[in-house]
Amino acid sequence: MDCHLDCHYKSEIFNWVKAIAMNTEELKQRYQSGERNFSQTHLNQTNLQRLKLGAVDLSRASLVKSNLQKVNLEDANLDGVNLYRANLSKSRLQRVNLNKAILGGANLSEANLHRASLIQADLCAANLSKAVLNHAQLSGADLRKANLSHARLSWANLRKVNLHQAQLEGADLSDAKFCNTIMPDGSLRNDDC
């Protein structure tokens, strides 16, 4: 299945999940009053730019095509979140849980994902150019056709990652771990099996 069609398909399936609709102002007010659990919240096409939402729980939330540019989500739980084609450029995502997240076509350029967990995340056709992914856990992630040019991936776990047709020009892969990793040219890399 084509990368974009695959991501779109997952996006449509997610919309069947019963989600709680909320707008940006309501989220900000509830977060400022101390609430942190916004699991399964529906925030598609919203503007959350520059918000500070550290340690928030947005697991299984839907933020399709939302603007999260320069947002601070350090230590957040975004397990299974749908961020299809969302803009997360220059965001602070250190130590965030993005396991099984849908990030197909998302813009994560210059985002800081140091020590983030992206196990089995769908990042097909995502823009991760100049992103910081040092010590990130990416095992089983789908990075087909992703732009990782000039990304920093030192000490990243790239076991069972699919990088087919990904752009890796200028990427720092020093000490990254490879096992059953599909490289951009389709070859298999097993340095650390």
C-alpha atoms as a PDB file:
ATOM      1  CA  MET A   1       0.000   0.000   0.000  1.00  0.00           C
ATOM      2  CA  ASP A   2       1.283   3.506  -0.819  1.00  0.00           C
ATOM      3  CA  CYS A   3       2.632   5.469   2.129  1.00  0.00           C
ATOM      4  CA  HIS A   4       0.145   8.351   1.911  1.00  0.00           C
ATOM      5  CA  LEU A   5      -2.826   6.089   1.265  1.00  0.00           C
ATOM      6  CA  ASP A   6      -1.765   3.918   4.203  1.00  0.00           C
ATOM      7  CA  CYS A   7      -1.593   6.959   6.515  1.00  0.00           C
ATOM      8  CA  HIS A   8      -4.916   8.324   5.254  1.00  0.00           C
ATOM      9  CA  TYR A   9      -6.535   4.928   5.799  1.00  0.00           C
ATOM     10  CA  LYS A  10      -5.327   4.855   9.422  1.00  0.00           C
ATOM     11  CA  SER A  11      -6.599   8.413   9.885  1.00  0.00           C
ATOM     12  CA  GLU A  12     -10.069   7.439   8.704  1.00  0.00           C
ATOM     13  CA  ILE A  13     -10.194   4.373  10.964  1.00  0.00           C
ATOM     14  CA  PHE A  14      -9.244   6.512  13.949  1.00  0.00           C
ATOM     15  CA  ASN A  15     -12.263   8.755  13.371  1.00  0.00           C
ATOM     16  CA  TRP A  16     -14.517   5.814  14.228  1.00  0.00           C
ATOM     17  CA  VAL A  17     -13.189   5.861  17.775  1.00  0.00           C
ATOM     18  CA  LYS A  18     -15.498   7.728  20.125  1.00  0.00           C
ATOM     19  CA  ALA A  19     -13.625  10.929  20.932  1.00  0.00           C
ATOM     20  CA  ILE A  20     -14.399  13.941  23.100  1.00  0.00           C
ATOM     21  CA  ALA A  21     -14.622  17.158  21.089  1.00  0.00           C
ATOM     22  CA  MET A  22     -12.788  20.145  22.535  1.00  0.00           C
ATOM     23  CA  ASN A  23     -11.511  23.502  21.308  1.00  0.00           C
ATOM     24  CA  THR A  24      -8.163  25.184  21.999  1.00  0.00           C
ATOM     25  CA  GLU A  25      -9.452  27.592  24.642  1.00  0.00           C
ATOM     26  CA  GLU A  26     -11.145  24.849  26.637  1.00  0.00           C
ATOM     27  CA  LEU A  27      -7.961  22.744  26.541  1.00  0.00           C
ATOM     28  CA  LYS A  28      -5.838  25.699  27.707  1.00  0.00           C
ATOM     29  CA  GLN A  29      -8.207  26.565  30.554  1.00  0.00           C
ATOM     30  CA  ARG A  30      -8.513  22.999  31.806  1.00  0.00           C
ATOM     31  CA  TYR A  31      -4.739  22.452  31.572  1.00  0.00           C
ATOM     32  CA  GLN A  32      -4.049  25.696  33.468  1.00  0.00           C
ATOM     33  CA  SER A  33      -6.464  24.594  36.197  1.00  0.00           C
ATOM     34  CA  GLY A  34      -4.370  21.450  36.720  1.00  0.00           C
ATOM     35  CA  GLU A  35      -6.089  18.858  34.540  1.00  0.00           C
ATOM     36  CA  ARG A  36      -3.670  16.674  32.579  1.00  0.00           C
ATOM     37  CA  ASN A  37      -5.782  13.826  31.176  1.00  0.00           C
ATOM     38  CA  PHE A  38      -7.127  14.651  27.711  1.00  0.00           C
ATOM     39  CA  SER A  39      -7.057  11.099  26.427  1.00  0.00           C
ATOM     40  CA  GLN A  40      -9.212  10.473  23.318  1.00  0.00           C
ATOM     41  CA  THR A  41      -9.821  14.187  22.821  1.00  0.00           C
ATOM     42  CA  HIS A  42     -10.806  15.348  19.335  1.00  0.00           C
ATOM     43  CA  LEU A  43      -8.746  18.429  18.366  1.00  0.00           C
ATOM     44  CA  ASN A  44      -8.456  18.130  14.583  1.00  0.00           C
ATOM     45  CA  GLN A  45      -7.271  21.205  12.670  1.00  0.00           C
ATOM     46  CA  THR A  46      -6.780  23.271  15.833  1.00  0.00           C
ATOM     47  CA  ASN A  47      -4.077  25.824  16.556  1.00  0.00           C
ATOM     48  CA  LEU A  48      -2.047  24.856  19.634  1.00  0.00           C
ATOM     49  CA  GLN A  49       1.026  26.771  18.521  1.00  0.00           C
ATOM     50  CA  ARG A  50       3.501  27.701  21.298  1.00  0.00           C
ATOM     51  CA  LEU A  51       1.406  26.143  24.102  1.00  0.00           C
ATOM     52  CA  LYS A  52       3.188  24.643  27.099  1.00  0.00           C
ATOM     53  CA  LEU A  53       1.564  21.273  27.752  1.00  0.00           C
ATOM     54  CA  GLY A  54       4.307  19.343  29.537  1.00  0.00           C
ATOM     55  CA  ALA A  55       3.310  15.965  31.052  1.00  0.00           C
ATOM     56  CA  VAL A  56      -0.124  16.111  29.398  1.00  0.00           C
ATOM     57  CA  ASP A  57      -1.943  12.876  28.495  1.00  0.00           C
ATOM     58  CA  LEU A  58      -3.198  13.065  24.917  1.00  0.00           C
ATOM     59  CA  SER A  59      -3.110   9.310  24.360  1.00  0.00           C
ATOM     60  CA  ARG A  60      -5.365   8.176  21.517  1.00  0.00           C
ATOM     61  CA  ALA A  61      -6.337  11.805  20.847  1.00  0.00           C
ATOM     62  CA  SER A  62      -6.941  13.051  17.309  1.00  0.00           C
ATOM     63  CA  LEU A  63      -4.990  16.131  16.207  1.00  0.00           C
ATOM     64  CA  VAL A  64      -5.137  15.606  12.447  1.00  0.00           C
ATOM     65  CA  LYS A  65      -3.737  18.591  10.511  1.00  0.00           C
ATOM     66  CA  SER A  66      -3.353  20.608  13.738  1.00  0.00           C
ATOM     67  CA  ASN A  67      -0.738  23.324  14.244  1.00  0.00           C
ATOM     68  CA  LEU A  68       1.542  22.407  17.154  1.00  0.00           C
ATOM     69  CA  GLN A  69       4.505  24.442  15.973  1.00  0.00           C
ATOM     70  CA  LYS A  70       6.889  25.312  18.837  1.00  0.00           C
ATOM     71  CA  VAL A  71       4.633  23.551  21.358  1.00  0.00           C
ATOM     72  CA  ASN A  72       6.184  22.168  24.564  1.00  0.00           C
ATOM     73  CA  LEU A  73       5.055  18.585  25.143  1.00  0.00           C
ATOM     74  CA  GLU A  74       8.017  17.359  27.201  1.00  0.00           C
ATOM     75  CA  ASP A  75       7.272  14.143  29.134  1.00  0.00           C
ATOM     76  CA  ALA A  76       3.794  13.928  27.563  1.00  0.00           C
ATOM     77  CA  ASN A  77       1.888  10.710  26.883  1.00  0.00           C
ATOM     78  CA  LEU A  78       0.889  10.684  23.214  1.00  0.00           C
ATOM     79  CA  ASP A  79       0.571   6.914  22.914  1.00  0.00           C
ATOM     80  CA  GLY A  80      -1.537   6.077  19.857  1.00  0.00           C
ATOM     81  CA  VAL A  81      -2.223   9.748  19.058  1.00  0.00           C
ATOM     82  CA  ASN A  82      -3.267  10.666  15.516  1.00  0.00           C
ATOM     83  CA  LEU A  83      -1.090  13.557  14.296  1.00  0.00           C
ATOM     84  CA  TYR A  84      -1.565  12.860  10.597  1.00  0.00           C
ATOM     85  CA  ARG A  85      -0.176  15.828   8.627  1.00  0.00           C
ATOM     86  CA  ALA A  86       0.155  17.920  11.797  1.00  0.00           C
ATOM     87  CA  ASN A  87       2.762  20.685  12.072  1.00  0.00           C
ATOM     88  CA  LEU A  88       5.107  20.002  15.000  1.00  0.00           C
ATOM     89  CA  SER A  89       8.100  21.892  13.649  1.00  0.00           C
ATOM     90  CA  LYS A  90      10.484  23.250  16.302  1.00  0.00           C
ATOM     91  CA  SER A  91       8.449  21.547  19.051  1.00  0.00           C
ATOM     92  CA  ARG A  92       9.921  20.343  22.337  1.00  0.00           C
ATOM     93  CA  LEU A  93       9.117  16.639  22.570  1.00  0.00           C
ATOM     94  CA  GLN A  94      11.846  15.350  24.861  1.00  0.00           C
ATOM     95  CA  ARG A  95      11.008  12.052  26.585  1.00  0.00           C
ATOM     96  CA  VAL A  96       7.541  12.008  25.012  1.00  0.00           C
ATOM     97  CA  ASN A  97       5.705   8.708  24.508  1.00  0.00           C
ATOM     98  CA  LEU A  98       4.675   8.520  20.851  1.00  0.00           C
ATOM     99  CA  ASN A  99       4.412   4.727  20.690  1.00  0.00           C
ATOM    100  CA  LYS A 100       2.084   3.570  17.905  1.00  0.00           C
ATOM    101  CA  ALA A 101       1.366   7.216  17.000  1.00  0.00           C
ATOM    102  CA  ILE A 102       0.194   8.150  13.515  1.00  0.00           C
ATOM    103  CA  LEU A 103       2.540  10.859  12.241  1.00  0.00           C
ATOM    104  CA  GLY A 104       2.308  10.211   8.508  1.00  0.00           C
ATOM    105  CA  GLY A 105       3.031  13.355   6.506  1.00  0.00           C
ATOM    106  CA  ALA A 106       3.631  15.340   9.717  1.00  0.00           C
ATOM    107  CA  ASN A 107       6.158  18.186   9.854  1.00  0.00           C
ATOM    108  CA  LEU A 108       8.635  17.529  12.674  1.00  0.00           C
ATOM    109  CA  SER A 109      11.465  19.575  11.198  1.00  0.00           C
ATOM    110  CA  GLU A 110      13.833  20.894  13.865  1.00  0.00           C
ATOM    111  CA  ALA A 111      11.761  19.225  16.604  1.00  0.00           C
ATOM    112  CA  ASN A 112      13.575  18.029  19.712  1.00  0.00           C
ATOM    113  CA  LEU A 113      12.708  14.359  20.279  1.00  0.00           C
ATOM    114  CA  HIS A 114      15.686  13.545  22.528  1.00  0.00           C
ATOM    115  CA  ARG A 115      14.975  10.263  24.370  1.00  0.00           C
ATOM    116  CA  ALA A 116      11.468  10.104  22.876  1.00  0.00           C
ATOM    117  CA  SER A 117       9.787   6.726  22.450  1.00  0.00           C
ATOM    118  CA  LEU A 118       8.379   6.189  18.956  1.00  0.00           C
ATOM    119  CA  ILE A 119       8.085   2.402  19.033  1.00  0.00           C
ATOM    120  CA  GLN A 120       5.966   1.189  16.095  1.00  0.00           C
ATOM    121  CA  ALA A 121       5.080   4.783  15.192  1.00  0.00           C
ATOM    122  CA  ASP A 122       3.915   5.549  11.660  1.00  0.00           C
ATOM    123  CA  LEU A 123       6.181   8.296  10.327  1.00  0.00           C
ATOM    124  CA  CYS A 124       5.782   7.543   6.633  1.00  0.00           C
ATOM    125  CA  ALA A 125       6.519  10.615   4.523  1.00  0.00           C
ATOM    126  CA  ALA A 126       7.093  12.706   7.672  1.00  0.00           C
ATOM    127  CA  ASN A 127       9.512  15.641   7.590  1.00  0.00           C
ATOM    128  CA  LEU A 128      12.132  15.122  10.309  1.00  0.00           C
ATOM    129  CA  SER A 129      14.824  17.264   8.732  1.00  0.00           C
ATOM    130  CA  LYS A 130      17.197  18.701  11.350  1.00  0.00           C
ATOM    131  CA  ALA A 131      15.231  16.948  14.119  1.00  0.00           C
ATOM    132  CA  VAL A 132      17.024  15.815  17.272  1.00  0.00           C
ATOM    133  CA  LEU A 133      16.387  12.102  17.815  1.00  0.00           C
ATOM    134  CA  ASN A 134      19.419  11.248  19.933  1.00  0.00           C
ATOM    135  CA  HIS A 135      18.741   8.205  22.151  1.00  0.00           C
ATOM    136  CA  ALA A 136      15.226   7.903  20.664  1.00  0.00           C
ATOM    137  CA  GLN A 137      13.492   4.518  20.685  1.00  0.00           C
ATOM    138  CA  LEU A 138      12.267   3.928  17.135  1.00  0.00           C
ATOM    139  CA  SER A 139      12.121   0.136  16.968  1.00  0.00           C
ATOM    140  CA  GLY A 140       9.479  -1.075  14.541  1.00  0.00           C
ATOM    141  CA  ALA A 141       8.749   2.462  13.293  1.00  0.00           C
ATOM    142  CA  ASP A 142       7.693   3.075   9.687  1.00  0.00           C
ATOM    143  CA  LEU A 143       9.898   5.811   8.223  1.00  0.00           C
ATOM    144  CA  ARG A 144       9.309   5.034   4.553  1.00  0.00           C
ATOM    145  CA  LYS A 145       9.831   8.133   2.402  1.00  0.00           C
ATOM    146  CA  ALA A 146      10.579  10.235   5.511  1.00  0.00           C
ATOM    147  CA  ASN A 147      12.915  13.208   5.255  1.00  0.00           C
ATOM    148  CA  LEU A 148      15.656  12.709   7.866  1.00  0.00           C
ATOM    149  CA  SER A 149      18.212  14.967   6.214  1.00  0.00           C
ATOM    150  CA  HIS A 150      20.581  16.488   8.767  1.00  0.00           C
ATOM    151  CA  ALA A 151      18.666  14.794  11.617  1.00  0.00           C
ATOM    152  CA  ARG A 152      20.611  13.769  14.711  1.00  0.00           C
ATOM    153  CA  LEU A 153      20.059  10.079  15.440  1.00  0.00           C
ATOM    154  CA  SER A 154      23.113   9.202  17.513  1.00  0.00           C
ATOM    155  CA  TRP A 155      22.458   6.277  19.883  1.00  0.00           C
ATOM    156  CA  ALA A 156      18.936   5.898  18.452  1.00  0.00           C
ATOM    157  CA  ASN A 157      17.360   2.429  18.426  1.00  0.00           C
ATOM    158  CA  LEU A 158      16.651   1.722  14.755  1.00  0.00           C
ATOM    159  CA  ARG A 159      15.951  -2.004  15.112  1.00  0.00           C
ATOM    160  CA  LYS A 160      13.235  -3.268  12.745  1.00  0.00           C
ATOM    161  CA  VAL A 161      12.775   0.263  11.321  1.00  0.00           C
ATOM    162  CA  ASN A 162      11.661   0.660   7.716  1.00  0.00           C
ATOM    163  CA  LEU A 163      13.687   3.462   6.094  1.00  0.00           C
ATOM    164  CA  HIS A 164      12.882   2.480   2.505  1.00  0.00           C
ATOM    165  CA  GLN A 165      13.199   5.541   0.244  1.00  0.00           C
ATOM    166  CA  ALA A 166      13.907   7.789   3.264  1.00  0.00           C
ATOM    167  CA  GLN A 167      16.271  10.749   2.856  1.00  0.00           C
ATOM    168  CA  LEU A 168      19.291  10.470   5.145  1.00  0.00           C
ATOM    169  CA  GLU A 169      21.626  13.063   3.616  1.00  0.00           C
ATOM    170  CA  GLY A 170      23.775  14.606   6.341  1.00  0.00           C
ATOM    171  CA  ALA A 171      22.042  12.615   9.114  1.00  0.00           C
ATOM    172  CA  ASP A 172      24.154  11.713  12.160  1.00  0.00           C
ATOM    173  CA  LEU A 173      23.738   7.965  12.719  1.00  0.00           C
ATOM    174  CA  SER A 174      26.759   7.535  14.990  1.00  0.00           C
ATOM    175  CA  ASP A 175      26.282   4.681  17.462  1.00  0.00           C
ATOM    176  CA  ALA A 176      22.700   4.095  16.276  1.00  0.00           C
ATOM    177  CA  LYS A 177      21.551   0.475  16.656  1.00  0.00           C
ATOM    178  CA  PHE A 178      20.613  -1.476  13.512  1.00  0.00           C
ATOM    179  CA  CYS A 179      19.029  -4.925  13.378  1.00  0.00           C
ATOM    180  CA  ASN A 180      16.647  -6.010  10.624  1.00  0.00           C
ATOM    181  CA  THR A 181      16.624  -2.355   9.561  1.00  0.00           C
ATOM    182  CA  ILE A 182      15.473  -1.695   5.995  1.00  0.00           C
ATOM    183  CA  MET A 183      17.724   1.000   4.562  1.00  0.00           C
ATOM    184  CA  PRO A 184      16.678   3.629   1.953  1.00  0.00           C
ATOM    185  CA  ASP A 185      17.965   1.479  -0.935  1.00  0.00           C
ATOM    186  CA  GLY A 186      15.992  -1.542   0.291  1.00  0.00           C
ATOM    187  CA  SER A 187      18.997  -3.371   1.737  1.00  0.00           C
ATOM    188  CA  LEU A 188      18.903  -4.883   5.216  1.00  0.00           C
ATOM    189  CA  ARG A 189      21.319  -3.656   7.900  1.00  0.00           C
ATOM    190  CA  ASN A 190      22.113  -5.966  10.829  1.00  0.00           C
ATOM    191  CA  ASP A 191      25.100  -4.390  12.604  1.00  0.00           C
ATOM    192  CA  ASP A 192      23.674  -4.948  16.089  1.00  0.00           C
ATOM    193  CA  CYS A 193      21.718  -8.212  15.912  1.00  0.00           C
END
